[in-house]
């Protein structure tokens, strides 16, 4: 049960947050003017914090149900996780602060923070997913894994842009994403994200590192109660905001 819950939350994070990270990576391409970049960021603003809750929950399950493995994972991949945290904070700060001050260059600075933070986070995930399946070390496989992660997150971002934007940003997204349409591309990239998560997780010694039964007896029921609430809030958010395009 604990392994299934860990996989569920991890996949949920990558499928959902992969799109807003991809949009952040491609912000200079999708938005050529301050007004366009504002609309591009508005396409992810309703979702990005809720998407990050899935990552927080994933880490909580990992710490609670697999405490020994969690220590080995974070210590072995300390630098990629540190980079991920810094990128995460930088990206979120850029989104939050962009509209807080009306000074020359302030919005441009925040937009650069969004782009840089998104790229750092995506590159970090490439190293982390590779290291999870390679004894918590990062080797030459990063030459393949990291570019694949970049392409996958970017494709996820383009698919969300195709669903949420109109006008020139939408046309730019379609130039790369092709004629398949936002929903089709999102579905395809989500499948690839899911497979990548399962492959990385399958190489972790999860069953051998479960916490003691007393801990699991407290942890598992709590997570099972919270899971429907998290899923319901995500569905409600997409029902409320996801159907509407961010228009000019």
C-alpha atoms as a PDB file:
ATOM      1  CA  UNK A   1       0.000   0.000   0.000  1.00  0.00           C
ATOM      2  CA  UNK A   2       2.738   2.474   0.954  1.00  0.00           C
ATOM      3  CA  UNK A   3       4.626   1.824  -2.281  1.00  0.00           C
ATOM      4  CA  UNK A   4       1.457   2.399  -4.302  1.00  0.00           C
ATOM      5  CA  UNK A   5       0.772   5.659  -2.454  1.00  0.00           C
ATOM      6  CA  UNK A   6       4.318   6.868  -3.022  1.00  0.00           C
ATOM      7  CA  UNK A   7       4.036   6.107  -6.743  1.00  0.00           C
ATOM      8  CA  UNK A   8       0.617   7.767  -6.964  1.00  0.00           C
ATOM      9  CA  UNK A   9       1.764  11.066  -5.465  1.00  0.00           C
ATOM     10  CA  UNK A  10       5.053  11.127  -7.372  1.00  0.00           C
ATOM     11  CA  UNK A  11       3.317  10.512 -10.698  1.00  0.00           C
ATOM     12  CA  UNK A  12       0.686  13.111  -9.831  1.00  0.00           C
ATOM     13  CA  UNK A  13       3.389  15.687  -9.211  1.00  0.00           C
ATOM     14  CA  UNK A  14       5.256  15.092 -12.451  1.00  0.00           C
ATOM     15  CA  UNK A  15       2.124  14.958 -14.589  1.00  0.00           C
ATOM     16  CA  UNK A  16       0.746  18.189 -13.106  1.00  0.00           C
ATOM     17  CA  UNK A  17       3.812  20.245 -12.169  1.00  0.00           C
ATOM     18  CA  UNK A  18       5.744  19.150 -15.237  1.00  0.00           C
ATOM     19  CA  UNK A  19       3.480  21.381 -17.290  1.00  0.00           C
ATOM     20  CA  UNK A  20       3.975  24.565 -15.272  1.00  0.00           C
ATOM     21  CA  UNK A  21       7.740  23.988 -15.117  1.00  0.00           C
ATOM     22  CA  UNK A  22       7.748  23.560 -18.886  1.00  0.00           C
ATOM     23  CA  UNK A  23       5.851  26.814 -19.336  1.00  0.00           C
ATOM     24  CA  UNK A  24       8.381  28.565 -17.115  1.00  0.00           C
ATOM     25  CA  UNK A  25      11.264  27.179 -19.166  1.00  0.00           C
ATOM     26  CA  UNK A  26       9.729  28.446 -22.397  1.00  0.00           C
ATOM     27  CA  UNK A  27       8.500  31.806 -21.117  1.00  0.00           C
ATOM     28  CA  UNK A  28      10.843  33.902 -23.352  1.00  0.00           C
ATOM     29  CA  UNK A  29       9.730  31.929 -26.404  1.00  0.00           C
ATOM     30  CA  UNK A  30       6.009  31.903 -25.679  1.00  0.00           C
ATOM     31  CA  UNK A  31       5.820  35.536 -24.589  1.00  0.00           C
ATOM     32  CA  UNK A  32       7.709  38.163 -26.600  1.00  0.00           C
ATOM     33  CA  UNK A  33       6.268  41.237 -24.864  1.00  0.00           C
ATOM     34  CA  UNK A  34       5.630  42.019 -21.166  1.00  0.00           C
ATOM     35  CA  UNK A  35       1.893  41.695 -21.775  1.00  0.00           C
ATOM     36  CA  UNK A  36       2.295  38.302 -23.462  1.00  0.00           C
ATOM     37  CA  UNK A  37       4.603  37.050 -20.732  1.00  0.00           C
ATOM     38  CA  UNK A  38       2.044  38.149 -18.163  1.00  0.00           C
ATOM     39  CA  UNK A  39      -0.601  36.060 -19.906  1.00  0.00           C
ATOM     40  CA  UNK A  40       1.727  33.080 -20.154  1.00  0.00           C
ATOM     41  CA  UNK A  41       2.397  33.221 -16.413  1.00  0.00           C
ATOM     42  CA  UNK A  42      -1.324  33.676 -15.748  1.00  0.00           C
ATOM     43  CA  UNK A  43      -1.880  30.324 -17.457  1.00  0.00           C
ATOM     44  CA  UNK A  44      -0.067  28.520 -14.619  1.00  0.00           C
ATOM     45  CA  UNK A  45      -0.728  30.813 -11.658  1.00  0.00           C
ATOM     46  CA  UNK A  46      -3.943  29.063 -10.512  1.00  0.00           C
ATOM     47  CA  UNK A  47      -2.236  25.666 -10.446  1.00  0.00           C
ATOM     48  CA  UNK A  48       1.421  25.797  -9.510  1.00  0.00           C
ATOM     49  CA  UNK A  49       1.067  25.880  -5.721  1.00  0.00           C
ATOM     50  CA  UNK A  50      -1.492  23.061  -5.657  1.00  0.00           C
ATOM     51  CA  UNK A  51       0.749  21.039  -7.954  1.00  0.00           C
ATOM     52  CA  UNK A  52       3.619  21.434  -5.494  1.00  0.00           C
ATOM     53  CA  UNK A  53       1.462  19.960  -2.721  1.00  0.00           C
ATOM     54  CA  UNK A  54       1.826  16.635  -4.534  1.00  0.00           C
ATOM     55  CA  UNK A  55       5.607  16.863  -4.190  1.00  0.00           C
ATOM     56  CA  UNK A  56       5.347  17.785  -0.505  1.00  0.00           C
ATOM     57  CA  UNK A  57       3.054  14.798   0.047  1.00  0.00           C
ATOM     58  CA  UNK A  58       5.443  12.524  -1.857  1.00  0.00           C
ATOM     59  CA  UNK A  59       8.315  13.610   0.384  1.00  0.00           C
ATOM     60  CA  UNK A  60       6.128  13.108   3.452  1.00  0.00           C
ATOM     61  CA  UNK A  61       5.298   9.542   2.447  1.00  0.00           C
ATOM     62  CA  UNK A  62       8.957   8.857   1.686  1.00  0.00           C
ATOM     63  CA  UNK A  63      10.122  10.171   5.055  1.00  0.00           C
ATOM     64  CA  UNK A  64       7.376   8.463   7.027  1.00  0.00           C
ATOM     65  CA  UNK A  65       7.209   5.077   5.310  1.00  0.00           C
ATOM     66  CA  UNK A  66      10.803   4.687   4.101  1.00  0.00           C
ATOM     67  CA  UNK A  67      12.971   6.608   6.611  1.00  0.00           C
ATOM     68  CA  UNK A  68      16.247   4.747   5.962  1.00  0.00           C
ATOM     69  CA  UNK A  69      15.882   4.950   2.208  1.00  0.00           C
ATOM     70  CA  UNK A  70      14.987   8.632   2.467  1.00  0.00           C
ATOM     71  CA  UNK A  71      18.240   9.344   4.293  1.00  0.00           C
ATOM     72  CA  UNK A  72      20.299   7.458   1.727  1.00  0.00           C
ATOM     73  CA  UNK A  73      18.501   9.121  -1.184  1.00  0.00           C
ATOM     74  CA  UNK A  74      18.876  12.692   0.026  1.00  0.00           C
ATOM     75  CA  UNK A  75      22.457  12.249   1.202  1.00  0.00           C
ATOM     76  CA  UNK A  76      23.556  10.456  -1.965  1.00  0.00           C
ATOM     77  CA  UNK A  77      21.928  13.038  -4.247  1.00  0.00           C
ATOM     78  CA  UNK A  78      22.484  16.035  -2.004  1.00  0.00           C
ATOM     79  CA  UNK A  79      23.635  18.466  -4.696  1.00  0.00           C
ATOM     80  CA  UNK A  80      20.810  17.780  -7.190  1.00  0.00           C
ATOM     81  CA  UNK A  81      18.226  18.077  -4.404  1.00  0.00           C
ATOM     82  CA  UNK A  82      19.806  21.322  -3.200  1.00  0.00           C
ATOM     83  CA  UNK A  83      19.723  22.689  -6.740  1.00  0.00           C
ATOM     84  CA  UNK A  84      16.084  21.581  -7.054  1.00  0.00           C
ATOM     85  CA  UNK A  85      15.156  23.418  -3.867  1.00  0.00           C
ATOM     86  CA  UNK A  86      16.921  26.607  -4.969  1.00  0.00           C
ATOM     87  CA  UNK A  87      15.314  26.458  -8.418  1.00  0.00           C
ATOM     88  CA  UNK A  88      11.908  25.824  -6.865  1.00  0.00           C
ATOM     89  CA  UNK A  89      12.204  28.830  -4.538  1.00  0.00           C
ATOM     90  CA  UNK A  90      13.545  31.092  -7.293  1.00  0.00           C
ATOM     91  CA  UNK A  91      10.791  30.146  -9.731  1.00  0.00           C
ATOM     92  CA  UNK A  92       8.009  30.626  -7.173  1.00  0.00           C
ATOM     93  CA  UNK A  93       9.454  33.920  -5.944  1.00  0.00           C
ATOM     94  CA  UNK A  94       9.548  35.215  -9.521  1.00  0.00           C
ATOM     95  CA  UNK A  95       5.893  34.336 -10.075  1.00  0.00           C
ATOM     96  CA  UNK A  96       4.746  35.824  -6.770  1.00  0.00           C
ATOM     97  CA  UNK A  97       6.777  39.022  -6.912  1.00  0.00           C
ATOM     98  CA  UNK A  98       6.392  39.947 -10.585  1.00  0.00           C
ATOM     99  CA  UNK A  99       3.306  42.063 -10.006  1.00  0.00           C
ATOM    100  CA  UNK A 100       4.196  43.379  -6.568  1.00  0.00           C
ATOM    101  CA  UNK A 101       6.270  46.389  -7.658  1.00  0.00           C
ATOM    102  CA  UNK A 102       5.944  48.791 -10.568  1.00  0.00           C
ATOM    103  CA  UNK A 103       9.558  49.755 -11.090  1.00  0.00           C
ATOM    104  CA  UNK A 104      11.623  49.736 -14.297  1.00  0.00           C
ATOM    105  CA  UNK A 105      13.216  46.352 -14.809  1.00  0.00           C
ATOM    106  CA  UNK A 106      11.439  44.688 -11.864  1.00  0.00           C
ATOM    107  CA  UNK A 107       9.097  42.544 -13.962  1.00  0.00           C
ATOM    108  CA  UNK A 108      11.951  41.627 -16.280  1.00  0.00           C
ATOM    109  CA  UNK A 109      14.038  40.522 -13.282  1.00  0.00           C
ATOM    110  CA  UNK A 110      11.201  38.379 -11.936  1.00  0.00           C
ATOM    111  CA  UNK A 111      10.624  36.825 -15.351  1.00  0.00           C
ATOM    112  CA  UNK A 112      14.298  35.886 -15.534  1.00  0.00           C
ATOM    113  CA  UNK A 113      13.948  34.312 -12.091  1.00  0.00           C
ATOM    114  CA  UNK A 114      11.007  32.230 -13.328  1.00  0.00           C
ATOM    115  CA  UNK A 115      12.934  31.023 -16.364  1.00  0.00           C
ATOM    116  CA  UNK A 116      16.168  30.315 -14.471  1.00  0.00           C
ATOM    117  CA  UNK A 117      14.374  28.598 -11.591  1.00  0.00           C
ATOM    118  CA  UNK A 118      12.337  26.426 -13.963  1.00  0.00           C
ATOM    119  CA  UNK A 119      15.428  25.344 -15.889  1.00  0.00           C
ATOM    120  CA  UNK A 120      17.360  24.553 -12.706  1.00  0.00           C
ATOM    121  CA  UNK A 121      14.450  22.508 -11.352  1.00  0.00           C
ATOM    122  CA  UNK A 122      14.035  20.517 -14.577  1.00  0.00           C
ATOM    123  CA  UNK A 123      17.756  19.809 -14.915  1.00  0.00           C
ATOM    124  CA  UNK A 124      17.849  18.753 -11.263  1.00  0.00           C
ATOM    125  CA  UNK A 125      15.011  16.305 -11.818  1.00  0.00           C
ATOM    126  CA  UNK A 126      16.928  14.763 -14.703  1.00  0.00           C
ATOM    127  CA  UNK A 127      19.905  14.111 -12.429  1.00  0.00           C
ATOM    128  CA  UNK A 128      17.704  12.900  -9.554  1.00  0.00           C
ATOM    129  CA  UNK A 129      15.665  10.425 -11.594  1.00  0.00           C
ATOM    130  CA  UNK A 130      18.848   9.041 -13.086  1.00  0.00           C
ATOM    131  CA  UNK A 131      20.518   8.786  -9.686  1.00  0.00           C
ATOM    132  CA  UNK A 132      17.525   6.994  -8.170  1.00  0.00           C
ATOM    133  CA  UNK A 133      18.120   4.090 -10.500  1.00  0.00           C
ATOM    134  CA  UNK A 134      21.911   4.179 -10.379  1.00  0.00           C
ATOM    135  CA  UNK A 135      22.831   3.647  -6.747  1.00  0.00           C
ATOM    136  CA  UNK A 136      22.214   7.278  -5.739  1.00  0.00           C
ATOM    137  CA  UNK A 137      25.082   8.474  -7.908  1.00  0.00           C
ATOM    138  CA  UNK A 138      25.120  10.449 -11.145  1.00  0.00           C
ATOM    139  CA  UNK A 139      27.277   9.112 -13.959  1.00  0.00           C
ATOM    140  CA  UNK A 140      27.591   9.357 -17.704  1.00  0.00           C
ATOM    141  CA  UNK A 141      23.940   8.418 -18.084  1.00  0.00           C
ATOM    142  CA  UNK A 142      23.175  12.058 -17.290  1.00  0.00           C
ATOM    143  CA  UNK A 143      24.253  12.884 -20.846  1.00  0.00           C
ATOM    144  CA  UNK A 144      21.083  11.122 -21.986  1.00  0.00           C
ATOM    145  CA  UNK A 145      18.748  11.463 -19.010  1.00  0.00           C
ATOM    146  CA  UNK A 146      19.019  15.221 -18.584  1.00  0.00           C
ATOM    147  CA  UNK A 147      18.286  16.177 -22.232  1.00  0.00           C
ATOM    148  CA  UNK A 148      15.365  13.731 -22.213  1.00  0.00           C
ATOM    149  CA  UNK A 149      13.987  15.412 -19.096  1.00  0.00           C
ATOM    150  CA  UNK A 150      14.325  18.829 -20.721  1.00  0.00           C
ATOM    151  CA  UNK A 151      12.436  17.714 -23.835  1.00  0.00           C
ATOM    152  CA  UNK A 152       9.737  15.990 -21.799  1.00  0.00           C
ATOM    153  CA  UNK A 153       9.067  18.938 -19.479  1.00  0.00           C
ATOM    154  CA  UNK A 154       9.140  21.360 -22.410  1.00  0.00           C
ATOM    155  CA  UNK A 155       6.603  19.245 -24.323  1.00  0.00           C
ATOM    156  CA  UNK A 156       4.387  19.154 -21.245  1.00  0.00           C
ATOM    157  CA  UNK A 157       4.607  22.943 -21.010  1.00  0.00           C
ATOM    158  CA  UNK A 158       3.766  23.403 -24.683  1.00  0.00           C
ATOM    159  CA  UNK A 159       0.720  21.188 -24.275  1.00  0.00           C
ATOM    160  CA  UNK A 160      -0.550  23.287 -21.353  1.00  0.00           C
ATOM    161  CA  UNK A 161       0.109  26.445 -23.368  1.00  0.00           C
ATOM    162  CA  UNK A 162      -1.983  24.950 -26.143  1.00  0.00           C
ATOM    163  CA  UNK A 163      -4.856  24.467 -23.726  1.00  0.00           C
ATOM    164  CA  UNK A 164      -4.682  27.742 -21.797  1.00  0.00           C
ATOM    165  CA  UNK A 165      -3.457  30.430 -24.196  1.00  0.00           C
ATOM    166  CA  UNK A 166      -4.644  32.113 -27.357  1.00  0.00           C
ATOM    167  CA  UNK A 167      -3.233  34.536 -29.900  1.00  0.00           C
ATOM    168  CA  UNK A 168       0.484  34.705 -30.636  1.00  0.00           C
ATOM    169  CA  UNK A 169       1.622  32.584 -27.631  1.00  0.00           C
ATOM    170  CA  UNK A 170      -0.715  29.802 -28.736  1.00  0.00           C
ATOM    171  CA  UNK A 171       0.607  29.923 -32.295  1.00  0.00           C
ATOM    172  CA  UNK A 172       4.206  29.723 -31.051  1.00  0.00           C
ATOM    173  CA  UNK A 173       3.324  26.688 -28.924  1.00  0.00           C
ATOM    174  CA  UNK A 174       1.724  24.988 -31.931  1.00  0.00           C
ATOM    175  CA  UNK A 175       4.794  25.545 -34.089  1.00  0.00           C
ATOM    176  CA  UNK A 176       6.703  23.088 -31.897  1.00  0.00           C
ATOM    177  CA  UNK A 177       3.944  20.911 -30.452  1.00  0.00           C
ATOM    178  CA  UNK A 178       2.496  20.274 -33.897  1.00  0.00           C
ATOM    179  CA  UNK A 179      -1.091  19.768 -34.997  1.00  0.00           C
ATOM    180  CA  UNK A 180      -2.018  17.042 -32.484  1.00  0.00           C
ATOM    181  CA  UNK A 181      -3.593  19.509 -30.054  1.00  0.00           C
ATOM    182  CA  UNK A 182      -2.975  20.362 -26.443  1.00  0.00           C
ATOM    183  CA  UNK A 183      -4.983  17.522 -24.912  1.00  0.00           C
ATOM    184  CA  UNK A 184      -3.370  14.862 -27.075  1.00  0.00           C
ATOM    185  CA  UNK A 185       0.153  16.090 -26.396  1.00  0.00           C
ATOM    186  CA  UNK A 186      -0.603  16.403 -22.683  1.00  0.00           C
ATOM    187  CA  UNK A 187      -1.896  12.836 -22.603  1.00  0.00           C
ATOM    188  CA  UNK A 188       1.164  11.499 -24.426  1.00  0.00           C
ATOM    189  CA  UNK A 189       3.659  13.374 -22.274  1.00  0.00           C
ATOM    190  CA  UNK A 190       1.770  12.311 -19.137  1.00  0.00           C
ATOM    191  CA  UNK A 191       2.113   8.674 -20.166  1.00  0.00           C
ATOM    192  CA  UNK A 192       5.855   9.123 -20.682  1.00  0.00           C
ATOM    193  CA  UNK A 193       6.137  10.919 -17.336  1.00  0.00           C
ATOM    194  CA  UNK A 194       4.337   8.041 -15.644  1.00  0.00           C
ATOM    195  CA  UNK A 195       6.583   5.421 -17.241  1.00  0.00           C
ATOM    196  CA  UNK A 196       9.720   7.372 -16.293  1.00  0.00           C
ATOM    197  CA  UNK A 197       8.572   7.611 -12.660  1.00  0.00           C
ATOM    198  CA  UNK A 198       7.749   3.914 -12.500  1.00  0.00           C
ATOM    199  CA  UNK A 199      11.074   2.899 -14.038  1.00  0.00           C
ATOM    200  CA  UNK A 200      13.037   5.077 -11.608  1.00  0.00           C
ATOM    201  CA  UNK A 201      10.999   3.896  -8.627  1.00  0.00           C
ATOM    202  CA  UNK A 202      11.231   0.245  -9.619  1.00  0.00           C
ATOM    203  CA  UNK A 203      15.003   0.374  -9.081  1.00  0.00           C
ATOM    204  CA  UNK A 204      14.667   1.629  -5.513  1.00  0.00           C
ATOM    205  CA  UNK A 205      14.747  -0.974  -2.696  1.00  0.00           C
ATOM    206  CA  UNK A 206      11.382   0.137  -1.367  1.00  0.00           C
ATOM    207  CA  UNK A 207      10.037  -3.135   0.027  1.00  0.00           C
ATOM    208  CA  UNK A 208      13.248  -3.757   1.968  1.00  0.00           C
ATOM    209  CA  UNK A 209      13.160  -0.334   3.620  1.00  0.00           C
ATOM    210  CA  UNK A 210       9.622  -0.035   4.937  1.00  0.00           C
ATOM    211  CA  UNK A 211       9.176   1.541   8.358  1.00  0.00           C
ATOM    212  CA  UNK A 212       8.104  -0.565  11.317  1.00  0.00           C
ATOM    213  CA  UNK A 213       4.464  -1.758  11.457  1.00  0.00           C
ATOM    214  CA  UNK A 214       3.550   0.613  14.303  1.00  0.00           C
ATOM    215  CA  UNK A 215       4.582   3.637  12.255  1.00  0.00           C
ATOM    216  CA  UNK A 216       2.771   2.404   9.165  1.00  0.00           C
ATOM    217  CA  UNK A 217      -0.375   1.749  11.204  1.00  0.00           C
ATOM    218  CA  UNK A 218      -0.530   5.469  11.971  1.00  0.00           C
ATOM    219  CA  UNK A 219       0.770   6.826   8.674  1.00  0.00           C
ATOM    220  CA  UNK A 220      -1.188   4.855   6.097  1.00  0.00           C
ATOM    221  CA  UNK A 221      -4.749   5.590   7.354  1.00  0.00           C
ATOM    222  CA  UNK A 222      -3.903   9.295   7.616  1.00  0.00           C
ATOM    223  CA  UNK A 223      -2.690   9.404   4.024  1.00  0.00           C
ATOM    224  CA  UNK A 224      -5.729   7.471   2.808  1.00  0.00           C
ATOM    225  CA  UNK A 225      -7.988  10.065   4.420  1.00  0.00           C
ATOM    226  CA  UNK A 226      -6.083  13.015   2.945  1.00  0.00           C
ATOM    227  CA  UNK A 227      -5.735  11.571  -0.569  1.00  0.00           C
ATOM    228  CA  UNK A 228      -9.373  12.082  -1.662  1.00  0.00           C
ATOM    229  CA  UNK A 229      -9.219  15.675  -0.398  1.00  0.00           C
ATOM    230  CA  UNK A 230      -6.103  16.389  -2.457  1.00  0.00           C
ATOM    231  CA  UNK A 231      -7.542  14.787  -5.571  1.00  0.00           C
ATOM    232  CA  UNK A 232     -10.878  16.589  -5.137  1.00  0.00           C
ATOM    233  CA  UNK A 233      -9.175  19.968  -4.725  1.00  0.00           C
ATOM    234  CA  UNK A 234      -7.120  19.373  -7.880  1.00  0.00           C
ATOM    235  CA  UNK A 235     -10.175  18.354  -9.890  1.00  0.00           C
ATOM    236  CA  UNK A 236     -12.117  21.378  -8.632  1.00  0.00           C
ATOM    237  CA  UNK A 237      -9.259  23.723  -9.511  1.00  0.00           C
ATOM    238  CA  UNK A 238      -9.007  22.403 -13.065  1.00  0.00           C
ATOM    239  CA  UNK A 239     -12.787  22.487 -13.433  1.00  0.00           C
ATOM    240  CA  UNK A 240     -12.815  26.119 -12.271  1.00  0.00           C
ATOM    241  CA  UNK A 241      -9.819  27.459 -14.202  1.00  0.00           C
ATOM    242  CA  UNK A 242      -8.592  24.836 -16.653  1.00  0.00           C
ATOM    243  CA  UNK A 243     -11.481  25.112 -19.086  1.00  0.00           C
ATOM    244  CA  UNK A 244     -10.955  28.808 -19.805  1.00  0.00           C
ATOM    245  CA  UNK A 245      -8.217  30.249 -21.986  1.00  0.00           C
ATOM    246  CA  UNK A 246      -6.139  33.201 -20.824  1.00  0.00           C
ATOM    247  CA  UNK A 247      -7.175  35.673 -23.497  1.00  0.00           C
ATOM    248  CA  UNK A 248      -5.804  38.970 -24.696  1.00  0.00           C
END
